[in-house]
Amino acid sequence: MLFRFNAIPGDVATGLILTGTALVCLMFLRLYRHLSRETAARKNDRTTFLEQTERLQSINKIAEEKLKNADEALRQTQELFHNFMNHSPTLAFLKDEGGRYVYVNETFERLENIKLAEIKGKTDFDWLPDHVARELKTDDETVLKGGQSKVLEVTEKMPVSDGSMRDWLAFKFLVKADGDKRFIGGVCVDISELKQAEEAIRRANAELELRVQDRTRELDAAIKNMQAEIMARKRVEKDLARRAEELAASNQELEQFALVASHDLQEPLRKISNYGDLLERRYAGRLDERADKFIGYMVDGARRMQNLIRDLLTYARAGKTDLPFEPVDLNQIVNRIIADLEELIRENNATVTLGPLPTVLANPGQMGQLIQNLLTNALKFRGQAAPRIHIAAAEKDGEWVLTIKDNGIGIETGHMEQIFHIFQRLHGRSEFPGTGIGLAVCKKIIDRHGGHMWANSCKGKGSTFYFTVPIPSERAAAATALFDVASVDRT
């Protein structure tokens, strides 16, 4: 519809125009306000969008940094794992379910002289002897059947780069990956030297067992022989004990006989000797020469028989076991004997010197007789030079060792044992008088005291007689102390 302004009155038209203008202004005002609000909202949305974009960029940067750090950590972990596996002295490998190699470490490559690139994707049948590969496959199948909870520990034989077969202790286990993938992992330790050592030990044990058996048989035989020897010794000891008893009884009887015989023989011999002396004094020179000689023989024989009986009596008494032992100061004994032999010592122009002498547990009478016999022999068997006699003592191995040394005529080496036997003489009666019993008496006295007696000599250069007297264990220390004091005093 068309309006025609000329048909509207002026004032109405003016009012309409003003009204329309006002409406238009109102519309433009509302439109401006709406646009302003839209512009402000869009401005706010842009600011928010920029802030969110900046925030997302910051988060993305942080995520990228963390991802980079994670990658570096993963790389380091992988490098550490590879270094660990490659520097391990054990063989390490990984196979898939089909027995194809997926991974081997450098130790595996070095010992088996094969690279991962050469073995990857291959099975044991591709590079090992069939019998070895079959054994390894059997172990792998056991691992797959056993599941992840079990570790298979087996001893396997595998060749190495030099062609020799080595013994390996293998630990095989199941490894699961993403999804249903399963792998067979394993590490192997070379135990060949251990096996060799075990074999050596086994052989050594077997050899030792044989030796033990042999030794046991030897010991059994030795024990049987020893038992037989013990039985034989017991029989011998029993026989010896019986003979010792018989000998003791015989000695006692002989000793008693010697005492009785000496007593009974002394009186007739005394009469023969006395009447012989009387005949010799009254009728010497009145009868013929032969009668004087016969009387001389009778007197000399009676005297020698008296000396022999006296010495036999002394020898018999030397073995008497009822003579008491007591502490005996040998210094006093020797000084008394020297005083008794003073005249004989002066006649021979002899010199007797003493070292420090101990106190011993002995029978004083027998000890005096022993030393007197040795001193008398030293004076009797003198050489051309004046006799020089030295008496000394020393403690050794729980005994007192006493020595009487002279410069006399000496004794031949072959006669050293003979001189201690009864009636054994090395010289004729015309050279040196005596019965040949003196040293036998000395030996018997020392035997009774539990000691030993021997001599060293060189013909023409003198002799040294030794005899020992045991030191009782409870008195050894005291005896040694007394000897030390005597040494100080004598010095």
Protein backbone atom coordinates (compact mmCIF):
# COMPACT_ATOMS: atom_id res chain seq x y z
CA MET A 1 0.00 0.00 0.00
CA LEU A 2 1.33 3.27 -0.94
CA PHE A 3 1.06 6.24 1.29
CA ARG A 4 0.69 9.45 -0.09
CA PHE A 5 1.92 12.13 2.16
CA ASN A 6 0.06 14.79 0.28
CA ALA A 7 -3.17 13.24 1.35
CA ILE A 8 -2.27 13.49 5.07
CA PRO A 9 -2.65 16.66 6.89
CA GLY A 10 0.48 18.54 7.70
CA ASP A 11 0.44 18.31 11.40
CA VAL A 12 -0.43 14.66 11.25
CA ALA A 13 2.27 14.07 8.75
CA THR A 14 4.73 15.86 10.93
CA GLY A 15 3.61 13.82 13.89
CA LEU A 16 3.95 10.66 11.89
CA ILE A 17 7.39 11.60 10.69
CA LEU A 18 8.49 12.42 14.16
CA THR A 19 7.00 9.22 15.46
CA GLY A 20 8.68 7.22 12.71
CA THR A 21 11.93 8.93 13.37
CA ALA A 22 11.64 8.17 17.01
CA LEU A 23 10.87 4.53 16.24
CA VAL A 24 13.81 4.31 13.92
CA CYS A 25 16.08 5.82 16.54
CA LEU A 26 14.74 3.46 19.12
CA MET A 27 15.40 0.54 16.80
CA PHE A 28 18.91 1.70 16.05
CA LEU A 29 19.54 2.18 19.78
CA ARG A 30 18.36 -1.33 20.52
CA LEU A 31 20.41 -2.69 17.65
CA TYR A 32 23.51 -0.84 18.91
CA ARG A 33 23.03 -2.19 22.39
CA HIS A 34 22.63 -5.72 21.03
CA LEU A 35 25.68 -5.35 18.86
CA SER A 36 27.65 -3.96 21.77
CA ARG A 37 26.66 -6.87 23.91
CA GLU A 38 27.56 -9.32 21.16
CA THR A 39 30.88 -7.62 20.60
CA ALA A 40 31.73 -7.69 24.33
CA ALA A 41 30.74 -11.35 24.55
CA ARG A 42 32.81 -12.21 21.52
CA LYS A 43 35.72 -10.25 22.95
CA ASN A 44 35.43 -12.17 26.22
CA ASP A 45 35.21 -15.46 24.34
CA ARG A 46 38.38 -14.58 22.40
CA THR A 47 40.20 -13.72 25.60
CA THR A 48 39.12 -17.02 27.15
CA PHE A 49 40.10 -18.89 23.99
CA LEU A 50 43.56 -17.30 24.00
CA GLU A 51 44.02 -18.12 27.66
CA GLN A 52 42.95 -21.71 27.08
CA THR A 53 45.22 -21.95 24.06
CA GLU A 54 48.17 -20.68 26.10
CA ARG A 55 47.29 -23.11 28.87
CA LEU A 56 47.08 -26.00 26.42
CA GLN A 57 50.41 -25.01 24.93
CA SER A 58 51.97 -24.96 28.40
CA ILE A 59 50.48 -28.37 29.21
CA ASN A 60 51.66 -29.70 25.86
CA LYS A 61 55.15 -28.36 26.54
CA ILE A 62 55.19 -29.99 29.96
CA ALA A 63 53.90 -33.23 28.44
CA GLU A 64 56.54 -33.10 25.74
CA GLU A 65 59.26 -32.52 28.38
CA LYS A 66 58.02 -35.41 30.50
CA LEU A 67 57.77 -37.61 27.41
CA LYS A 68 61.32 -36.63 26.48
CA ASN A 69 62.51 -37.44 30.02
CA ALA A 70 60.64 -40.73 29.93
CA ASP A 71 62.23 -41.56 26.60
CA GLU A 72 65.68 -40.74 28.02
CA ALA A 73 65.01 -42.81 31.12
CA LEU A 74 63.80 -45.66 28.92
CA ARG A 75 66.90 -45.33 26.76
CA GLN A 76 69.17 -45.37 29.81
CA THR A 77 67.30 -48.34 31.26
CA GLN A 78 67.58 -50.19 27.96
CA GLU A 79 71.29 -49.31 27.77
CA LEU A 80 71.81 -50.45 31.35
CA PHE A 81 69.91 -53.66 30.65
CA HIS A 82 71.94 -54.35 27.51
CA ASN A 83 75.21 -53.59 29.33
CA PHE A 84 74.13 -55.83 32.19
CA MET A 85 73.20 -58.66 29.85
CA ASN A 86 76.25 -58.26 27.61
CA HIS A 87 78.75 -58.05 30.46
CA SER A 88 77.22 -60.94 32.36
CA PRO A 89 79.44 -64.07 32.39
CA THR A 90 76.32 -66.15 31.77
CA LEU A 91 74.69 -66.94 28.44
CA ALA A 92 71.27 -65.26 28.06
CA PHE A 93 68.68 -65.87 25.34
CA LEU A 94 65.02 -65.39 24.45
CA LYS A 95 63.00 -67.68 22.15
CA ASP A 96 59.45 -67.56 20.87
CA GLU A 97 57.01 -70.41 21.31
CA GLY A 98 58.31 -72.05 18.16
CA GLY A 99 61.84 -72.19 19.59
CA ARG A 100 63.12 -69.45 17.30
CA TYR A 101 65.72 -67.14 18.79
CA VAL A 102 64.63 -63.57 19.41
CA TYR A 103 67.58 -62.33 21.48
CA VAL A 104 71.01 -63.48 22.68
CA ASN A 105 73.55 -61.49 24.68
CA GLU A 106 77.14 -60.81 23.66
CA THR A 107 78.46 -63.54 25.97
CA PHE A 108 76.32 -66.01 24.00
CA GLU A 109 77.70 -64.63 20.74
CA ARG A 110 81.30 -64.81 21.94
CA LEU A 111 81.20 -68.30 23.42
CA GLU A 112 79.12 -69.84 20.65
CA ASN A 113 80.87 -67.80 17.90
CA ILE A 114 77.59 -66.80 16.35
CA LYS A 115 75.97 -63.35 15.97
CA LEU A 116 72.41 -62.42 16.85
CA ALA A 117 71.77 -61.50 13.22
CA GLU A 118 72.83 -65.02 12.20
CA ILE A 119 70.75 -66.88 14.78
CA LYS A 120 67.69 -64.62 15.02
CA GLY A 121 64.61 -66.44 13.73
CA LYS A 122 66.40 -69.80 13.75
CA THR A 123 65.91 -72.80 16.03
CA ASP A 124 68.49 -75.00 17.76
CA PHE A 125 68.12 -77.54 14.94
CA ASP A 126 69.55 -74.97 12.50
CA TRP A 127 72.97 -74.70 14.19
CA LEU A 128 73.38 -77.46 16.77
CA PRO A 129 73.75 -81.24 16.47
CA ASP A 130 70.37 -82.99 16.37
CA HIS A 131 70.78 -84.85 19.68
CA VAL A 132 71.65 -81.60 21.45
CA ALA A 133 68.81 -79.71 19.80
CA ARG A 134 66.30 -82.44 20.79
CA GLU A 135 67.32 -82.22 24.45
CA LEU A 136 67.01 -78.43 24.40
CA LYS A 137 63.60 -78.62 22.73
CA THR A 138 62.36 -81.06 25.37
CA ASP A 139 63.38 -78.61 28.10
CA ASP A 140 61.69 -75.71 26.22
CA GLU A 141 58.44 -77.67 25.95
CA THR A 142 58.59 -78.40 29.68
CA VAL A 143 58.81 -74.65 30.35
CA LEU A 144 55.81 -73.89 28.10
CA LYS A 145 53.74 -76.58 29.81
CA GLY A 146 54.78 -75.55 33.29
CA GLY A 147 53.48 -71.99 33.06
CA GLN A 148 54.90 -68.80 34.44
CA SER A 149 55.06 -69.94 38.04
CA LYS A 150 57.87 -72.46 37.50
CA VAL A 151 61.58 -72.09 36.73
CA LEU A 152 63.21 -75.11 35.11
CA GLU A 153 66.69 -75.89 36.41
CA VAL A 154 68.51 -78.43 34.25
CA THR A 155 72.05 -79.43 33.31
CA GLU A 156 72.58 -79.34 29.55
CA LYS A 157 75.47 -80.03 27.21
CA MET A 158 76.25 -77.54 24.47
CA PRO A 159 79.26 -77.08 22.19
CA VAL A 160 81.32 -73.87 22.25
CA SER A 161 83.37 -72.08 19.61
CA ASP A 162 86.37 -74.40 19.95
CA GLY A 163 84.17 -77.42 19.22
CA SER A 164 84.33 -78.88 22.71
CA MET A 165 81.21 -79.89 24.60
CA ARG A 166 80.66 -77.96 27.78
CA ASP A 167 78.34 -78.57 30.73
CA TRP A 168 75.85 -75.78 31.45
CA LEU A 169 73.51 -75.18 34.35
CA ALA A 170 70.44 -73.68 32.65
CA PHE A 171 67.56 -71.74 34.25
CA LYS A 172 64.61 -71.55 31.83
CA PHE A 173 61.38 -69.67 32.46
CA LEU A 174 58.23 -68.43 30.68
CA VAL A 175 58.00 -64.76 29.63
CA LYS A 176 54.63 -63.23 28.61
CA ALA A 177 54.35 -60.19 26.35
CA ASP A 178 51.42 -58.12 24.99
CA GLY A 179 48.37 -60.18 24.26
CA ASP A 180 48.87 -63.88 24.23
CA LYS A 181 52.50 -63.85 23.12
CA ARG A 182 54.76 -66.14 25.11
CA PHE A 183 58.54 -66.45 25.06
CA ILE A 184 61.11 -68.79 26.61
CA GLY A 185 63.81 -66.97 28.54
CA GLY A 186 66.93 -68.54 29.88
CA VAL A 187 70.37 -68.02 31.38
CA CYS A 188 73.16 -70.62 31.36
CA VAL A 189 76.22 -70.88 33.62
CA ASP A 190 79.28 -72.84 32.50
CA ILE A 191 79.83 -75.55 35.14
CA SER A 192 82.29 -77.65 33.15
CA GLU A 193 85.15 -77.00 35.56
CA LEU A 194 82.84 -77.74 38.48
CA LYS A 195 81.81 -80.98 36.78
CA GLN A 196 85.46 -81.82 36.17
CA ALA A 197 86.21 -81.06 39.81
CA GLU A 198 83.28 -83.22 40.90
CA GLU A 199 84.53 -86.00 38.67
CA ALA A 200 88.04 -85.60 40.05
CA ILE A 201 86.63 -85.70 43.59
CA ARG A 202 84.56 -88.75 42.69
CA ARG A 203 87.61 -90.52 41.30
CA ALA A 204 89.67 -89.40 44.30
CA ASN A 205 86.96 -90.67 46.65
CA ALA A 206 86.83 -93.96 44.79
CA GLU A 207 90.61 -94.22 44.94
CA LEU A 208 90.55 -93.20 48.59
CA GLU A 209 87.89 -95.81 49.27
CA LEU A 210 90.09 -98.44 47.64
CA ARG A 211 93.05 -97.24 49.66
CA VAL A 212 90.95 -97.26 52.82
CA GLN A 213 89.84 -100.80 52.04
CA ASP A 214 93.44 -101.84 51.38
CA ARG A 215 94.59 -100.04 54.49
CA THR A 216 91.75 -101.61 56.48
CA ARG A 217 92.81 -105.03 55.30
CA GLU A 218 96.40 -104.21 56.18
CA LEU A 219 95.32 -102.93 59.59
CA ASP A 220 93.17 -106.01 60.15
CA ALA A 221 96.13 -108.20 59.26
CA ALA A 222 98.40 -106.04 61.44
CA ILE A 223 95.91 -106.25 64.32
CA LYS A 224 95.75 -110.00 63.96
CA ASN A 225 99.54 -110.17 63.87
CA MET A 226 99.70 -107.80 66.82
CA GLN A 227 97.18 -109.88 68.73
CA ALA A 228 99.21 -112.99 67.95
CA GLU A 229 102.36 -111.12 68.97
CA ILE A 230 100.67 -109.91 72.15
CA MET A 231 99.62 -113.43 72.96
CA ALA A 232 103.14 -114.63 72.26
CA ARG A 233 104.57 -111.82 74.39
CA LYS A 234 102.16 -112.63 77.17
CA ARG A 235 103.33 -116.21 77.04
CA VAL A 236 106.95 -115.01 77.01
CA GLU A 237 106.24 -112.55 79.85
CA LYS A 238 104.53 -115.28 81.79
CA ASP A 239 107.49 -117.54 81.16
CA LEU A 240 109.89 -114.72 82.06
CA ALA A 241 107.93 -113.96 85.21
CA ARG A 242 108.11 -117.63 86.14
CA ARG A 243 111.81 -117.73 85.37
CA ALA A 244 112.32 -114.46 87.26
CA GLU A 245 110.64 -115.99 90.27
CA GLU A 246 112.77 -119.07 89.87
CA LEU A 247 115.86 -116.92 89.40
CA ALA A 248 114.99 -114.82 92.45
CA ALA A 249 114.52 -117.96 94.47
CA SER A 250 117.75 -119.38 93.05
CA ASN A 251 119.61 -116.13 93.77
CA GLN A 252 118.28 -116.14 97.28
CA GLU A 253 119.37 -119.71 97.70
CA LEU A 254 122.78 -118.92 96.16
CA GLU A 255 123.14 -115.88 98.37
CA GLN A 256 122.26 -117.93 101.40
CA PHE A 257 124.63 -120.63 100.23
CA ALA A 258 127.40 -118.06 99.68
CA LEU A 259 126.89 -116.68 103.16
CA VAL A 260 126.86 -120.14 104.74
CA ALA A 261 129.67 -121.46 102.54
CA SER A 262 131.84 -118.45 103.19
CA HIS A 263 131.27 -118.78 106.89
CA ASP A 264 131.85 -122.52 106.88
CA LEU A 265 134.90 -122.23 104.60
CA GLN A 266 136.49 -119.38 106.50
CA GLU A 267 137.35 -121.49 109.55
CA PRO A 268 139.11 -124.39 107.73
CA LEU A 269 140.94 -121.91 105.51
CA ARG A 270 141.99 -119.89 108.51
CA LYS A 271 143.47 -123.02 110.09
CA ILE A 272 145.24 -124.01 106.85
CA SER A 273 146.60 -120.48 106.49
CA ASN A 274 147.66 -120.28 110.15
CA TYR A 275 149.36 -123.67 110.16
CA GLY A 276 150.93 -122.93 106.81
CA ASP A 277 152.37 -119.71 108.20
CA LEU A 278 153.58 -121.64 111.27
CA LEU A 279 155.27 -124.28 109.08
CA GLU A 280 156.83 -121.59 106.94
CA ARG A 281 158.25 -119.73 109.93
CA ARG A 282 159.53 -122.82 111.89
CA TYR A 283 160.77 -125.07 109.13
CA ALA A 284 161.89 -122.70 106.43
CA GLY A 285 165.36 -123.81 105.40
CA ARG A 286 165.30 -126.97 107.56
CA LEU A 287 163.55 -129.04 104.94
CA ASP A 288 164.61 -129.41 101.36
CA GLU A 289 163.90 -126.78 98.73
CA ARG A 290 160.91 -128.63 97.36
CA ALA A 291 159.26 -128.74 100.82
CA ASP A 292 159.72 -124.96 101.22
CA LYS A 293 158.13 -124.44 97.79
CA PHE A 294 155.17 -126.69 98.65
CA ILE A 295 154.59 -124.86 101.92
CA GLY A 296 154.70 -121.56 100.00
CA TYR A 297 152.14 -122.85 97.51
CA MET A 298 149.87 -123.93 100.36
CA VAL A 299 150.08 -120.56 102.15
CA ASP A 300 149.53 -118.57 98.92
CA GLY A 301 146.58 -120.77 97.87
CA ALA A 302 144.94 -120.41 101.29
CA ARG A 303 145.32 -116.62 101.18
CA ARG A 304 143.94 -116.41 97.64
CA MET A 305 141.04 -118.66 98.64
CA GLN A 306 140.30 -116.39 101.60
CA ASN A 307 140.33 -113.32 99.31
CA LEU A 308 138.12 -115.09 96.79
CA ILE A 309 135.60 -116.14 99.44
CA ARG A 310 135.60 -112.61 100.86
CA ASP A 311 135.01 -111.13 97.41
CA LEU A 312 132.30 -113.69 96.61
CA LEU A 313 130.60 -112.77 99.84
CA THR A 314 130.83 -109.10 98.88
CA TYR A 315 129.41 -109.87 95.40
CA ALA A 316 126.53 -111.82 96.93
CA ARG A 317 125.76 -109.04 99.36
CA ALA A 318 125.83 -106.43 96.57
CA GLY A 319 122.51 -107.75 95.27
CA LYS A 320 120.70 -107.76 98.58
CA THR A 321 117.39 -105.92 98.27
CA ASP A 322 116.81 -105.38 101.97
CA LEU A 323 119.53 -102.76 102.30
CA PRO A 324 117.79 -99.38 102.87
CA PHE A 325 118.25 -96.29 100.68
CA GLU A 326 118.74 -92.86 102.19
CA PRO A 327 120.10 -89.45 101.12
CA VAL A 328 123.86 -89.86 100.76
CA ASP A 329 126.22 -86.90 100.41
CA LEU A 330 128.84 -88.18 97.97
CA ASN A 331 131.25 -85.44 99.03
CA GLN A 332 131.43 -86.98 102.50
CA ILE A 333 131.68 -90.53 101.12
CA VAL A 334 134.53 -89.67 98.74
CA ASN A 335 136.46 -87.65 101.34
CA ARG A 336 136.21 -90.53 103.84
CA ILE A 337 137.47 -93.04 101.23
CA ILE A 338 140.35 -90.73 100.29
CA ALA A 339 141.25 -90.56 103.98
CA ASP A 340 141.10 -94.37 104.24
CA LEU A 341 143.34 -94.74 101.17
CA GLU A 342 145.69 -91.97 102.22
CA GLU A 343 148.67 -94.32 102.65
CA LEU A 344 148.10 -95.99 99.26
CA ILE A 345 147.67 -92.61 97.59
CA ARG A 346 150.91 -91.32 99.11
CA GLU A 347 152.83 -94.47 98.11
CA ASN A 348 151.77 -94.01 94.50
CA ASN A 349 152.41 -90.25 94.59
CA ALA A 350 148.85 -89.90 93.31
CA THR A 351 146.65 -86.79 93.09
CA VAL A 352 142.89 -87.07 93.54
CA THR A 353 140.74 -84.03 92.62
CA LEU A 354 137.03 -83.55 93.08
CA GLY A 355 134.32 -81.58 91.30
CA PRO A 356 131.07 -80.69 93.07
CA LEU A 357 129.25 -83.91 93.98
CA PRO A 358 125.52 -84.25 94.67
CA THR A 359 123.48 -85.91 97.36
CA VAL A 360 121.87 -89.08 95.99
CA LEU A 361 119.29 -91.55 97.23
CA ALA A 362 121.34 -94.71 97.78
CA ASN A 363 122.67 -97.18 100.27
CA PRO A 364 125.68 -95.48 101.88
CA GLY A 365 127.67 -98.68 102.42
CA GLN A 366 127.28 -99.89 98.82
CA MET A 367 127.96 -96.42 97.41
CA GLY A 368 131.17 -96.25 99.45
CA GLN A 369 132.24 -99.72 98.29
CA LEU A 370 131.55 -98.75 94.66
CA ILE A 371 133.71 -95.61 94.79
CA GLN A 372 136.44 -97.34 96.79
CA ASN A 373 136.69 -100.17 94.21
CA LEU A 374 136.99 -97.67 91.35
CA LEU A 375 139.58 -95.55 93.18
CA THR A 376 141.60 -98.64 94.15
CA ASN A 377 141.57 -99.84 90.52
CA ALA A 378 142.74 -96.40 89.34
CA LEU A 379 145.67 -96.60 91.75
CA LYS A 380 146.40 -100.27 90.99
CA PHE A 381 146.39 -100.02 87.18
CA ARG A 382 148.65 -96.97 87.03
CA GLY A 383 151.09 -96.17 84.27
CA GLN A 384 154.63 -94.82 84.45
CA ALA A 385 153.47 -91.32 85.34
CA ALA A 386 152.14 -90.43 88.77
CA PRO A 387 148.40 -91.23 88.94
CA ARG A 388 146.01 -88.33 88.32
CA ILE A 389 142.42 -89.12 89.29
CA HIS A 390 139.45 -86.77 88.93
CA ILE A 391 135.93 -87.39 90.25
CA ALA A 392 133.05 -85.27 88.90
CA ALA A 393 129.24 -85.30 88.50
CA ALA A 394 126.62 -83.78 86.17
CA GLU A 395 122.82 -83.89 86.00
CA LYS A 396 121.32 -85.20 82.74
CA ASP A 397 117.83 -86.47 81.82
CA GLY A 398 116.71 -87.06 85.40
CA GLU A 399 119.92 -88.83 86.47
CA TRP A 400 123.21 -88.00 88.10
CA VAL A 401 126.10 -89.05 85.88
CA LEU A 402 129.29 -89.55 87.91
CA THR A 403 132.73 -90.00 86.33
CA ILE A 404 136.06 -91.27 87.68
CA LYS A 405 138.84 -90.48 85.25
CA ASP A 406 142.47 -91.63 85.49
CA ASN A 407 145.68 -91.54 83.44
CA GLY A 408 146.54 -95.21 83.94
CA ILE A 409 147.41 -98.01 81.53
CA GLY A 410 143.98 -97.99 79.90
CA ILE A 411 141.92 -100.84 78.46
CA GLU A 412 141.70 -102.19 74.94
CA THR A 413 138.42 -101.31 73.23
CA GLY A 414 137.43 -104.95 72.66
CA HIS A 415 137.50 -105.67 76.40
CA MET A 416 135.14 -102.87 77.54
CA GLU A 417 132.18 -105.20 78.17
CA GLN A 418 134.28 -108.07 79.50
CA ILE A 419 135.66 -106.11 82.44
CA PHE A 420 132.25 -105.99 84.20
CA HIS A 421 131.83 -109.79 84.22
CA ILE A 422 132.71 -111.78 87.30
CA PHE A 423 136.12 -113.55 87.33
CA GLN A 424 137.14 -111.76 84.10
CA ARG A 425 140.78 -110.69 84.36
CA LEU A 426 142.77 -108.87 81.67
CA HIS A 427 146.14 -109.35 83.39
CA GLY A 428 147.96 -112.19 85.15
CA ARG A 429 148.19 -112.36 88.92
CA SER A 430 151.91 -111.75 88.71
CA GLU A 431 151.24 -108.33 87.10
CA PHE A 432 148.27 -107.17 89.17
CA PRO A 433 146.86 -109.08 92.13
CA GLY A 434 143.15 -109.58 92.60
CA THR A 435 140.20 -111.95 92.02
CA GLY A 436 138.53 -110.23 89.03
CA ILE A 437 135.33 -109.50 90.98
CA GLY A 438 135.73 -105.79 91.86
CA LEU A 439 134.12 -104.24 88.74
CA ALA A 440 131.43 -106.94 88.71
CA VAL A 441 130.52 -105.87 92.26
CA CYS A 442 130.38 -102.22 91.09
CA LYS A 443 128.08 -103.14 88.19
CA LYS A 444 125.80 -105.12 90.48
CA ILE A 445 125.55 -102.22 92.95
CA ILE A 446 124.61 -99.77 90.18
CA ASP A 447 122.06 -102.22 88.74
CA ARG A 448 120.46 -102.48 92.15
CA HIS A 449 120.23 -98.67 92.33
CA GLY A 450 118.48 -98.53 88.92
CA GLY A 451 121.41 -96.94 87.09
CA HIS A 452 123.85 -97.84 84.34
CA MET A 453 127.61 -98.32 84.25
CA TRP A 454 130.06 -98.16 81.35
CA ALA A 455 133.61 -97.10 80.56
CA ASN A 456 135.63 -95.35 77.86
CA SER A 457 139.32 -96.03 77.52
CA CYS A 458 142.31 -95.84 75.24
CA LYS A 459 145.16 -98.24 75.92
CA GLY A 460 148.10 -96.36 77.39
CA LYS A 461 146.13 -93.13 77.87
CA GLY A 462 143.88 -93.84 80.84
CA SER A 463 140.26 -94.75 81.45
CA THR A 464 137.03 -93.03 82.43
CA PHE A 465 134.36 -94.97 84.32
CA TYR A 466 130.77 -93.69 84.29
CA PHE A 467 127.82 -94.66 86.42
CA THR A 468 124.37 -93.12 86.86
CA VAL A 469 122.06 -92.78 89.85
CA PRO A 470 118.40 -91.86 89.17
CA ILE A 471 116.98 -88.69 90.69
CA PRO A 472 113.54 -89.36 92.25
CA SER A 473 111.00 -87.08 90.53
CA GLU A 474 109.74 -85.54 93.76
CA ARG A 475 113.31 -84.80 94.83
CA ALA A 476 114.82 -83.78 91.49
CA ALA A 477 114.40 -80.04 92.07
CA ALA A 478 115.76 -80.21 95.61
CA ALA A 479 118.71 -82.37 94.51
CA THR A 480 119.57 -79.93 91.74
CA ALA A 481 119.41 -77.05 94.22
CA LEU A 482 121.76 -78.88 96.60
CA PHE A 483 124.17 -79.55 93.75
CA ASP A 484 124.14 -75.86 92.78
CA VAL A 485 124.86 -74.84 96.36
CA ALA A 486 127.71 -77.37 96.56
CA SER A 487 129.15 -75.97 93.34
CA VAL A 488 129.14 -72.46 94.77
CA ASP A 489 130.71 -73.61 98.03
CA ARG A 490 133.40 -75.69 96.27
CA THR A 491 134.26 -72.75 94.07
